[in-house]
Amino acid sequence: MLLTGESLSAQQAHDRGLVSHIAPPQDGLDEFTSGVAEQVARAATTTLVVGKRAFYRHREMRTGDAYGFAAGVMAGNFGMRDSKEGIAAFFEKRAPRWE
């Protein structure tokens, strides 16, 4: 798109994996975005912070280095209290209680 100036419809962008969801232009967008915001607000803050920092740090790395870095971050996440709580809540079929 950058080099050709080609325009894509929302469906074409979705089909190519450039967007994850299409909302109707007249209705549904506010509901969808509010739902995403609520989902993010329910997530463990520490996990989001670690993930976002890792994303921005690893995107400048070469592929092999980025995979190694991301694997280390994910392994480190398993030791965090909120990660353990999330896993326990999943298996116990209950809402997590984040710190």
PDB file of N, CA and C in Angstrom:
ATOM      1  N   MET A   1       0.830  -1.189   0.000  1.00  0.00           N
ATOM      2  CA  MET A   1       0.000   0.000   0.000  1.00  0.00           C
ATOM      3  C   MET A   1       0.876   1.255   0.000  1.00  0.00           C
ATOM      4  N   LEU A   2       1.940   1.220   0.763  1.00  0.00           N
ATOM      5  CA  LEU A   2       2.817   2.388   0.844  1.00  0.00           C
ATOM      6  C   LEU A   2       3.457   2.694  -0.501  1.00  0.00           C
ATOM      7  N   LEU A   3       3.917   1.673  -1.193  1.00  0.00           N
ATOM      8  CA  LEU A   3       4.642   1.893  -2.439  1.00  0.00           C
ATOM      9  C   LEU A   3       3.740   2.040  -3.653  1.00  0.00           C
ATOM     10  N   THR A   4       2.588   1.378  -3.643  1.00  0.00           N
ATOM     11  CA  THR A   4       1.719   1.413  -4.820  1.00  0.00           C
ATOM     12  C   THR A   4       0.598   2.435  -4.704  1.00  0.00           C
ATOM     13  N   GLY A   5       0.272   2.859  -3.495  1.00  0.00           N
ATOM     14  CA  GLY A   5      -0.858   3.763  -3.311  1.00  0.00           C
ATOM     15  C   GLY A   5      -2.191   3.059  -3.439  1.00  0.00           C
ATOM     16  N   GLU A   6      -2.157   1.740  -3.484  1.00  0.00           N
ATOM     17  CA  GLU A   6      -3.381   0.952  -3.633  1.00  0.00           C
ATOM     18  C   GLU A   6      -4.293   1.142  -2.420  1.00  0.00           C
ATOM     19  N   SER A   7      -5.556   1.411  -2.690  1.00  0.00           N
ATOM     20  CA  SER A   7      -6.546   1.497  -1.619  1.00  0.00           C
ATOM     21  C   SER A   7      -7.179   0.135  -1.423  1.00  0.00           C
ATOM     22  N   LEU A   8      -7.504  -0.182  -0.192  1.00  0.00           N
ATOM     23  CA  LEU A   8      -8.153  -1.443   0.117  1.00  0.00           C
ATOM     24  C   LEU A   8      -9.470  -1.176   0.815  1.00  0.00           C
ATOM     25  N   SER A   9     -10.430  -2.030   0.536  1.00  0.00           N
ATOM     26  CA  SER A   9     -11.676  -1.956   1.293  1.00  0.00           C
ATOM     27  C   SER A   9     -11.419  -2.567   2.662  1.00  0.00           C
ATOM     28  N   ALA A  10     -12.333  -2.362   3.570  1.00  0.00           N
ATOM     29  CA  ALA A  10     -12.204  -2.959   4.903  1.00  0.00           C
ATOM     30  C   ALA A  10     -12.133  -4.473   4.792  1.00  0.00           C
ATOM     31  N   GLN A  11     -12.934  -5.063   3.925  1.00  0.00           N
ATOM     32  CA  GLN A  11     -12.931  -6.514   3.763  1.00  0.00           C
ATOM     33  C   GLN A  11     -11.601  -7.001   3.214  1.00  0.00           C
ATOM     34  N   GLN A  12     -11.040  -6.285   2.231  1.00  0.00           N
ATOM     35  CA  GLN A  12      -9.738  -6.673   1.686  1.00  0.00           C
ATOM     36  C   GLN A  12      -8.649  -6.584   2.754  1.00  0.00           C
ATOM     37  N   ALA A  13      -8.684  -5.539   3.557  1.00  0.00           N
ATOM     38  CA  ALA A  13      -7.705  -5.388   4.639  1.00  0.00           C
ATOM     39  C   ALA A  13      -7.840  -6.532   5.636  1.00  0.00           C
ATOM     40  N   HIS A  14      -9.063  -6.907   5.942  1.00  0.00           N
ATOM     41  CA  HIS A  14      -9.314  -8.027   6.856  1.00  0.00           C
ATOM     42  C   HIS A  14      -8.806  -9.338   6.254  1.00  0.00           C
ATOM     43  N   ASP A  15      -9.103  -9.561   4.994  1.00  0.00           N
ATOM     44  CA  ASP A  15      -8.687 -10.785   4.317  1.00  0.00           C
ATOM     45  C   ASP A  15      -7.168 -10.921   4.270  1.00  0.00           C
ATOM     46  N   ARG A  16      -6.460  -9.802   4.233  1.00  0.00           N
ATOM     47  CA  ARG A  16      -4.993  -9.813   4.172  1.00  0.00           C
ATOM     48  C   ARG A  16      -4.346  -9.769   5.557  1.00  0.00           C
ATOM     49  N   GLY A  17      -5.171  -9.780   6.594  1.00  0.00           N
ATOM     50  CA  GLY A  17      -4.641  -9.798   7.950  1.00  0.00           C
ATOM     51  C   GLY A  17      -4.164  -8.456   8.469  1.00  0.00           C
ATOM     52  N   LEU A  18      -4.571  -7.370   7.815  1.00  0.00           N
ATOM     53  CA  LEU A  18      -4.142  -6.043   8.249  1.00  0.00           C
ATOM     54  C   LEU A  18      -5.012  -5.493   9.373  1.00  0.00           C
ATOM     55  N   VAL A  19      -6.232  -5.977   9.489  1.00  0.00           N
ATOM     56  CA  VAL A  19      -7.131  -5.602  10.582  1.00  0.00           C
ATOM     57  C   VAL A  19      -7.752  -6.885  11.137  1.00  0.00           C
ATOM     58  N   SER A  20      -8.119  -6.856  12.399  1.00  0.00           N
ATOM     59  CA  SER A  20      -8.646  -8.065  13.027  1.00  0.00           C
ATOM     60  C   SER A  20     -10.167  -8.091  13.104  1.00  0.00           C
ATOM     61  N   HIS A  21     -10.804  -6.958  12.887  1.00  0.00           N
ATOM     62  CA  HIS A  21     -12.260  -6.904  13.005  1.00  0.00           C
ATOM     63  C   HIS A  21     -12.791  -5.771  12.138  1.00  0.00           C
ATOM     64  N   ILE A  22     -13.965  -5.997  11.580  1.00  0.00           N
ATOM     65  CA  ILE A  22     -14.644  -4.958  10.800  1.00  0.00           C
ATOM     66  C   ILE A  22     -15.970  -4.669  11.489  1.00  0.00           C
ATOM     67  N   ALA A  23     -16.210  -3.400  11.790  1.00  0.00           N
ATOM     68  CA  ALA A  23     -17.480  -2.986  12.389  1.00  0.00           C
ATOM     69  C   ALA A  23     -18.267  -2.199  11.350  1.00  0.00           C
ATOM     70  N   PRO A  24     -19.577  -2.338  11.360  1.00  0.00           N
ATOM     71  CA  PRO A  24     -20.391  -1.552  10.426  1.00  0.00           C
ATOM     72  C   PRO A  24     -20.140  -0.059  10.637  1.00  0.00           C
ATOM     73  N   PRO A  25     -20.071   0.723   9.554  1.00  0.00           N
ATOM     74  CA  PRO A  25     -19.751   2.145   9.705  1.00  0.00           C
ATOM     75  C   PRO A  25     -20.823   2.943  10.455  1.00  0.00           C
ATOM     76  N   GLN A  26     -22.081   2.572  10.316  1.00  0.00           N
ATOM     77  CA  GLN A  26     -23.151   3.358  10.928  1.00  0.00           C
ATOM     78  C   GLN A  26     -23.418   2.969  12.378  1.00  0.00           C
ATOM     79  N   ASP A  27     -23.306   1.696  12.656  1.00  0.00           N
ATOM     80  CA  ASP A  27     -23.584   1.241  14.008  1.00  0.00           C
ATOM     81  C   ASP A  27     -22.654   0.073  14.331  1.00  0.00           C
ATOM     82  N   GLY A  28     -22.411  -0.120  15.562  1.00  0.00           N
ATOM     83  CA  GLY A  28     -21.571  -1.219  15.980  1.00  0.00           C
ATOM     84  C   GLY A  28     -20.157  -0.830  16.344  1.00  0.00           C
ATOM     85  N   LEU A  29     -19.650   0.263  15.799  1.00  0.00           N
ATOM     86  CA  LEU A  29     -18.269   0.655  16.087  1.00  0.00           C
ATOM     87  C   LEU A  29     -18.097   1.058  17.547  1.00  0.00           C
ATOM     88  N   ASP A  30     -19.001   1.893  18.054  1.00  0.00           N
ATOM     89  CA  ASP A  30     -18.897   2.314  19.455  1.00  0.00           C
ATOM     90  C   ASP A  30     -19.003   1.115  20.394  1.00  0.00           C
ATOM     91  N   GLU A  31     -19.927   0.224  20.082  1.00  0.00           N
ATOM     92  CA  GLU A  31     -20.110  -0.965  20.916  1.00  0.00           C
ATOM     93  C   GLU A  31     -18.864  -1.841  20.886  1.00  0.00           C
ATOM     94  N   PHE A  32     -18.309  -2.041  19.695  1.00  0.00           N
ATOM     95  CA  PHE A  32     -17.124  -2.877  19.557  1.00  0.00           C
ATOM     96  C   PHE A  32     -15.933  -2.261  20.298  1.00  0.00           C
ATOM     97  N   THR A  33     -15.674  -0.969  20.080  1.00  0.00           N
ATOM     98  CA  THR A  33     -14.515  -0.338  20.717  1.00  0.00           C
ATOM     99  C   THR A  33     -14.682  -0.275  22.230  1.00  0.00           C
ATOM    100  N   SER A  34     -15.897  -0.080  22.698  1.00  0.00           N
ATOM    101  CA  SER A  34     -16.132  -0.108  24.149  1.00  0.00           C
ATOM    102  C   SER A  34     -15.855  -1.499  24.708  1.00  0.00           C
ATOM    103  N   GLY A  35     -16.231  -2.518  23.965  1.00  0.00           N
ATOM    104  CA  GLY A  35     -15.964  -3.887  24.396  1.00  0.00           C
ATOM    105  C   GLY A  35     -14.474  -4.184  24.481  1.00  0.00           C
ATOM    106  N   VAL A  36     -13.719  -3.710  23.497  1.00  0.00           N
ATOM    107  CA  VAL A  36     -12.264  -3.897  23.521  1.00  0.00           C
ATOM    108  C   VAL A  36     -11.664  -3.144  24.706  1.00  0.00           C
ATOM    109  N   ALA A  37     -12.108  -1.910  24.932  1.00  0.00           N
ATOM    110  CA  ALA A  37     -11.593  -1.119  26.062  1.00  0.00           C
ATOM    111  C   ALA A  37     -11.904  -1.803  27.395  1.00  0.00           C
ATOM    112  N   GLU A  38     -13.083  -2.361  27.522  1.00  0.00           N
ATOM    113  CA  GLU A  38     -13.442  -3.072  28.757  1.00  0.00           C
ATOM    114  C   GLU A  38     -12.587  -4.315  28.942  1.00  0.00           C
ATOM    115  N   GLN A  39     -12.309  -5.009  27.851  1.00  0.00           N
ATOM    116  CA  GLN A  39     -11.468  -6.203  27.924  1.00  0.00           C
ATOM    117  C   GLN A  39     -10.055  -5.830  28.368  1.00  0.00           C
ATOM    118  N   VAL A  40      -9.500  -4.772  27.825  1.00  0.00           N
ATOM    119  CA  VAL A  40      -8.173  -4.318  28.225  1.00  0.00           C
ATOM    120  C   VAL A  40      -8.173  -3.894  29.682  1.00  0.00           C
ATOM    121  N   ALA A  41      -9.223  -3.207  30.107  1.00  0.00           N
ATOM    122  CA  ALA A  41      -9.302  -2.739  31.500  1.00  0.00           C
ATOM    123  C   ALA A  41      -9.376  -3.899  32.488  1.00  0.00           C
ATOM    124  N   ARG A  42      -9.894  -5.049  32.058  1.00  0.00           N
ATOM    125  CA  ARG A  42      -9.983  -6.220  32.935  1.00  0.00           C
ATOM    126  C   ARG A  42      -8.674  -6.996  33.002  1.00  0.00           C
ATOM    127  N   ALA A  43      -7.752  -6.703  32.126  1.00  0.00           N
ATOM    128  CA  ALA A  43      -6.488  -7.451  32.069  1.00  0.00           C
ATOM    129  C   ALA A  43      -5.552  -7.028  33.192  1.00  0.00           C
ATOM    130  N   ALA A  44      -4.571  -7.869  33.450  1.00  0.00           N
ATOM    131  CA  ALA A  44      -3.572  -7.579  34.477  1.00  0.00           C
ATOM    132  C   ALA A  44      -2.644  -6.479  33.968  1.00  0.00           C
ATOM    133  N   THR A  45      -2.577  -5.384  34.688  1.00  0.00           N
ATOM    134  CA  THR A  45      -1.775  -4.235  34.273  1.00  0.00           C
ATOM    135  C   THR A  45      -0.307  -4.601  34.098  1.00  0.00           C
ATOM    136  N   THR A  46       0.240  -5.375  35.027  1.00  0.00           N
ATOM    137  CA  THR A  46       1.658  -5.720  34.928  1.00  0.00           C
ATOM    138  C   THR A  46       1.953  -6.498  33.652  1.00  0.00           C
ATOM    139  N   THR A  47       1.074  -7.405  33.281  1.00  0.00           N
ATOM    140  CA  THR A  47       1.272  -8.197  32.076  1.00  0.00           C
ATOM    141  C   THR A  47       1.196  -7.314  30.832  1.00  0.00           C
ATOM    142  N   LEU A  48       0.275  -6.379  30.809  1.00  0.00           N
ATOM    143  CA  LEU A  48       0.159  -5.468  29.675  1.00  0.00           C
ATOM    144  C   LEU A  48       1.403  -4.600  29.532  1.00  0.00           C
ATOM    145  N   VAL A  49       1.914  -4.111  30.651  1.00  0.00           N
ATOM    146  CA  VAL A  49       3.109  -3.259  30.623  1.00  0.00           C
ATOM    147  C   VAL A  49       4.309  -4.041  30.089  1.00  0.00           C
ATOM    148  N   VAL A  50       4.513  -5.238  30.605  1.00  0.00           N
ATOM    149  CA  VAL A  50       5.636  -6.066  30.160  1.00  0.00           C
ATOM    150  C   VAL A  50       5.494  -6.387  28.669  1.00  0.00           C
ATOM    151  N   GLY A  51       4.295  -6.753  28.247  1.00  0.00           N
ATOM    152  CA  GLY A  51       4.073  -7.097  26.849  1.00  0.00           C
ATOM    153  C   GLY A  51       4.288  -5.928  25.911  1.00  0.00           C
ATOM    154  N   LYS A  52       3.808  -4.772  26.284  1.00  0.00           N
ATOM    155  CA  LYS A  52       3.960  -3.594  25.425  1.00  0.00           C
ATOM    156  C   LYS A  52       5.421  -3.182  25.319  1.00  0.00           C
ATOM    157  N   ARG A  53       6.125  -3.199  26.445  1.00  0.00           N
ATOM    158  CA  ARG A  53       7.564  -2.862  26.406  1.00  0.00           C
ATOM    159  C   ARG A  53       8.325  -3.851  25.527  1.00  0.00           C
ATOM    160  N   ALA A  54       8.013  -5.126  25.673  1.00  0.00           N
ATOM    161  CA  ALA A  54       8.690  -6.154  24.881  1.00  0.00           C
ATOM    162  C   ALA A  54       8.393  -5.975  23.397  1.00  0.00           C
ATOM    163  N   PHE A  55       7.150  -5.674  23.072  1.00  0.00           N
ATOM    164  CA  PHE A  55       6.775  -5.482  21.668  1.00  0.00           C
ATOM    165  C   PHE A  55       7.614  -4.370  21.038  1.00  0.00           C
ATOM    166  N   TYR A  56       7.680  -3.221  21.689  1.00  0.00           N
ATOM    167  CA  TYR A  56       8.415  -2.107  21.110  1.00  0.00           C
ATOM    168  C   TYR A  56       9.914  -2.368  21.076  1.00  0.00           C
ATOM    169  N   ARG A  57      10.415  -3.110  22.032  1.00  0.00           N
ATOM    170  CA  ARG A  57      11.849  -3.403  22.052  1.00  0.00           C
ATOM    171  C   ARG A  57      12.214  -4.429  20.979  1.00  0.00           C
ATOM    172  N   HIS A  58      11.426  -5.475  20.831  1.00  0.00           N
ATOM    173  CA  HIS A  58      11.820  -6.548  19.922  1.00  0.00           C
ATOM    174  C   HIS A  58      11.548  -6.251  18.453  1.00  0.00           C
ATOM    175  N   ARG A  59      10.711  -5.290  18.154  1.00  0.00           N
ATOM    176  CA  ARG A  59      10.404  -5.044  16.745  1.00  0.00           C
ATOM    177  C   ARG A  59      11.575  -4.439  15.983  1.00  0.00           C
ATOM    178  N   GLU A  60      12.571  -3.940  16.688  1.00  0.00           N
ATOM    179  CA  GLU A  60      13.770  -3.400  16.040  1.00  0.00           C
ATOM    180  C   GLU A  60      14.859  -4.465  15.900  1.00  0.00           C
ATOM    181  N   MET A  61      14.621  -5.668  16.430  1.00  0.00           N
ATOM    182  CA  MET A  61      15.622  -6.730  16.407  1.00  0.00           C
ATOM    183  C   MET A  61      15.512  -7.571  15.144  1.00  0.00           C
ATOM    184  N   ARG A  62      16.588  -8.270  14.848  1.00  0.00           N
ATOM    185  CA  ARG A  62      16.541  -9.266  13.778  1.00  0.00           C
ATOM    186  C   ARG A  62      15.641 -10.398  14.242  1.00  0.00           C
ATOM    187  N   THR A  63      15.060 -11.129  13.295  1.00  0.00           N
ATOM    188  CA  THR A  63      14.039 -12.135  13.607  1.00  0.00           C
ATOM    189  C   THR A  63      14.498 -13.133  14.658  1.00  0.00           C
ATOM    190  N   GLY A  64      15.651 -13.733  14.478  1.00  0.00           N
ATOM    191  CA  GLY A  64      16.133 -14.721  15.436  1.00  0.00           C
ATOM    192  C   GLY A  64      16.327 -14.136  16.825  1.00  0.00           C
ATOM    193  N   ASP A  65      16.882 -12.940  16.878  1.00  0.00           N
ATOM    194  CA  ASP A  65      17.078 -12.268  18.168  1.00  0.00           C
ATOM    195  C   ASP A  65      15.739 -11.931  18.817  1.00  0.00           C
ATOM    196  N   ALA A  66      14.787 -11.515  18.004  1.00  0.00           N
ATOM    197  CA  ALA A  66      13.463 -11.156  18.526  1.00  0.00           C
ATOM    198  C   ALA A  66      12.755 -12.371  19.116  1.00  0.00           C
ATOM    199  N   TYR A  67      12.862 -13.515  18.440  1.00  0.00           N
ATOM    200  CA  TYR A  67      12.249 -14.736  18.974  1.00  0.00           C
ATOM    201  C   TYR A  67      12.871 -15.114  20.316  1.00  0.00           C
ATOM    202  N   GLY A  68      14.182 -15.045  20.399  1.00  0.00           N
ATOM    203  CA  GLY A  68      14.857 -15.363  21.652  1.00  0.00           C
ATOM    204  C   GLY A  68      14.476 -14.405  22.763  1.00  0.00           C
ATOM    205  N   PHE A  69      14.421 -13.132  22.438  1.00  0.00           N
ATOM    206  CA  PHE A  69      14.028 -12.120  23.417  1.00  0.00           C
ATOM    207  C   PHE A  69      12.600 -12.352  23.897  1.00  0.00           C
ATOM    208  N   ALA A  70      11.675 -12.578  22.953  1.00  0.00           N
ATOM    209  CA  ALA A  70      10.270 -12.782  23.302  1.00  0.00           C
ATOM    210  C   ALA A  70      10.095 -14.042  24.144  1.00  0.00           C
ATOM    211  N   ALA A  71      10.833 -15.088  23.818  1.00  0.00           N
ATOM    212  CA  ALA A  71      10.742 -16.328  24.603  1.00  0.00           C
ATOM    213  C   ALA A  71      11.165 -16.070  26.049  1.00  0.00           C
ATOM    214  N   GLY A  72      12.209 -15.282  26.239  1.00  0.00           N
ATOM    215  CA  GLY A  72      12.654 -14.946  27.586  1.00  0.00           C
ATOM    216  C   GLY A  72      11.630 -14.129  28.347  1.00  0.00           C
ATOM    217  N   VAL A  73      10.998 -13.189  27.666  1.00  0.00           N
ATOM    218  CA  VAL A  73       9.957 -12.365  28.299  1.00  0.00           C
ATOM    219  C   VAL A  73       8.777 -13.236  28.711  1.00  0.00           C
ATOM    220  N   MET A  74       8.347 -14.129  27.814  1.00  0.00           N
ATOM    221  CA  MET A  74       7.213 -15.000  28.132  1.00  0.00           C
ATOM    222  C   MET A  74       7.540 -15.929  29.289  1.00  0.00           C
ATOM    223  N   ALA A  75       8.746 -16.473  29.297  1.00  0.00           N
ATOM    224  CA  ALA A  75       9.142 -17.350  30.405  1.00  0.00           C
ATOM    225  C   ALA A  75       9.157 -16.569  31.718  1.00  0.00           C
ATOM    226  N   GLY A  76       9.630 -15.349  31.674  1.00  0.00           N
ATOM    227  CA  GLY A  76       9.644 -14.503  32.869  1.00  0.00           C
ATOM    228  C   GLY A  76       8.244 -14.182  33.368  1.00  0.00           C
ATOM    229  N   ASN A  77       7.308 -14.051  32.437  1.00  0.00           N
ATOM    230  CA  ASN A  77       5.922 -13.754  32.815  1.00  0.00           C
ATOM    231  C   ASN A  77       5.314 -14.856  33.671  1.00  0.00           C
ATOM    232  N   PHE A  78       5.707 -16.094  33.434  1.00  0.00           N
ATOM    233  CA  PHE A  78       5.134 -17.202  34.194  1.00  0.00           C
ATOM    234  C   PHE A  78       5.449 -17.106  35.677  1.00  0.00           C
ATOM    235  N   GLY A  79       6.506 -16.412  36.028  1.00  0.00           N
ATOM    236  CA  GLY A  79       6.855 -16.258  37.432  1.00  0.00           C
ATOM    237  C   GLY A  79       6.127 -15.120  38.123  1.00  0.00           C
ATOM    238  N   MET A  80       5.420 -14.294  37.373  1.00  0.00           N
ATOM    239  CA  MET A  80       4.726 -13.138  37.963  1.00  0.00           C
ATOM    240  C   MET A  80       3.447 -13.593  38.670  1.00  0.00           C
ATOM    241  N   ARG A  81       3.124 -12.907  39.741  1.00  0.00           N
ATOM    242  CA  ARG A  81       1.928 -13.267  40.516  1.00  0.00           C
ATOM    243  C   ARG A  81       0.658 -13.223  39.680  1.00  0.00           C
ATOM    244  N   ASP A  82       0.516 -12.172  38.875  1.00  0.00           N
ATOM    245  CA  ASP A  82      -0.709 -12.057  38.071  1.00  0.00           C
ATOM    246  C   ASP A  82      -0.808 -13.172  37.037  1.00  0.00           C
ATOM    247  N   SER A  83       0.311 -13.629  36.514  1.00  0.00           N
ATOM    248  CA  SER A  83       0.271 -14.742  35.568  1.00  0.00           C
ATOM    249  C   SER A  83      -0.200 -16.015  36.260  1.00  0.00           C
ATOM    250  N   LYS A  84       0.335 -16.261  37.435  1.00  0.00           N
ATOM    251  CA  LYS A  84      -0.090 -17.439  38.199  1.00  0.00           C
ATOM    252  C   LYS A  84      -1.574 -17.348  38.550  1.00  0.00           C
ATOM    253  N   GLU A  85      -2.019 -16.149  38.906  1.00  0.00           N
ATOM    254  CA  GLU A  85      -3.436 -15.938  39.226  1.00  0.00           C
ATOM    255  C   GLU A  85      -4.297 -16.190  37.995  1.00  0.00           C
ATOM    256  N   GLY A  86      -3.861 -15.712  36.835  1.00  0.00           N
ATOM    257  CA  GLY A  86      -4.626 -15.912  35.610  1.00  0.00           C
ATOM    258  C   GLY A  86      -4.771 -17.379  35.257  1.00  0.00           C
ATOM    259  N   ILE A  87      -3.693 -18.131  35.407  1.00  0.00           N
ATOM    260  CA  ILE A  87      -3.738 -19.563  35.123  1.00  0.00           C
ATOM    261  C   ILE A  87      -4.656 -20.274  36.116  1.00  0.00           C
ATOM    262  N   ALA A  88      -4.523 -19.924  37.403  1.00  0.00           N
ATOM    263  CA  ALA A  88      -5.375 -20.544  38.427  1.00  0.00           C
ATOM    264  C   ALA A  88      -6.849 -20.223  38.167  1.00  0.00           C
ATOM    265  N   ALA A  89      -7.141 -18.971  37.839  1.00  0.00           N
ATOM    266  CA  ALA A  89      -8.522 -18.572  37.580  1.00  0.00           C
ATOM    267  C   ALA A  89      -9.083 -19.323  36.377  1.00  0.00           C
ATOM    268  N   PHE A  90      -8.277 -19.524  35.356  1.00  0.00           N
ATOM    269  CA  PHE A  90      -8.727 -20.263  34.179  1.00  0.00           C
ATOM    270  C   PHE A  90      -9.128 -21.683  34.560  1.00  0.00           C
ATOM    271  N   PHE A  91      -8.249 -22.370  35.285  1.00  0.00           N
ATOM    272  CA  PHE A  91      -8.535 -23.761  35.645  1.00  0.00           C
ATOM    273  C   PHE A  91      -9.674 -23.877  36.656  1.00  0.00           C
ATOM    274  N   GLU A  92      -9.818 -22.856  37.504  1.00  0.00           N
ATOM    275  CA  GLU A  92     -10.897 -22.881  38.497  1.00  0.00           C
ATOM    276  C   GLU A  92     -12.189 -22.285  37.955  1.00  0.00           C
ATOM    277  N   LYS A  93     -12.163 -21.863  36.687  1.00  0.00           N
ATOM    278  CA  LYS A  93     -13.342 -21.298  36.005  1.00  0.00           C
ATOM    279  C   LYS A  93     -13.960 -20.143  36.791  1.00  0.00           C
ATOM    280  N   ARG A  94     -13.104 -19.173  37.123  1.00  0.00           N
ATOM    281  CA  ARG A  94     -13.542 -17.988  37.862  1.00  0.00           C
ATOM    282  C   ARG A  94     -12.830 -16.770  37.290  1.00  0.00           C
ATOM    283  N   ALA A  95     -13.334 -15.602  37.657  1.00  0.00           N
ATOM    284  CA  ALA A  95     -12.694 -14.361  37.229  1.00  0.00           C
ATOM    285  C   ALA A  95     -11.388 -14.178  37.990  1.00  0.00           C
ATOM    286  N   PRO A  96     -10.337 -13.716  37.327  1.00  0.00           N
ATOM    287  CA  PRO A  96      -9.071 -13.498  38.036  1.00  0.00           C
ATOM    288  C   PRO A  96      -9.159 -12.302  38.976  1.00  0.00           C
ATOM    289  N   ARG A  97      -8.345 -12.363  40.021  1.00  0.00           N
ATOM    290  CA  ARG A  97      -8.230 -11.247  40.966  1.00  0.00           C
ATOM    291  C   ARG A  97      -6.809 -10.703  40.859  1.00  0.00           C
ATOM    292  N   TRP A  98      -6.653  -9.695  40.007  1.00  0.00           N
ATOM    293  CA  TRP A  98      -5.320  -9.130  39.757  1.00  0.00           C
ATOM    294  C   TRP A  98      -4.845  -8.306  40.938  1.00  0.00           C
ATOM    295  N   GLU A  99      -3.546  -8.194  41.072  1.00  0.00           N
ATOM    296  CA  GLU A  99      -2.974  -7.354  42.134  1.00  0.00           C
ATOM    297  C   GLU A  99      -2.846  -5.929  41.658  1.00  0.00           C
TER     298      GLU A  99
END
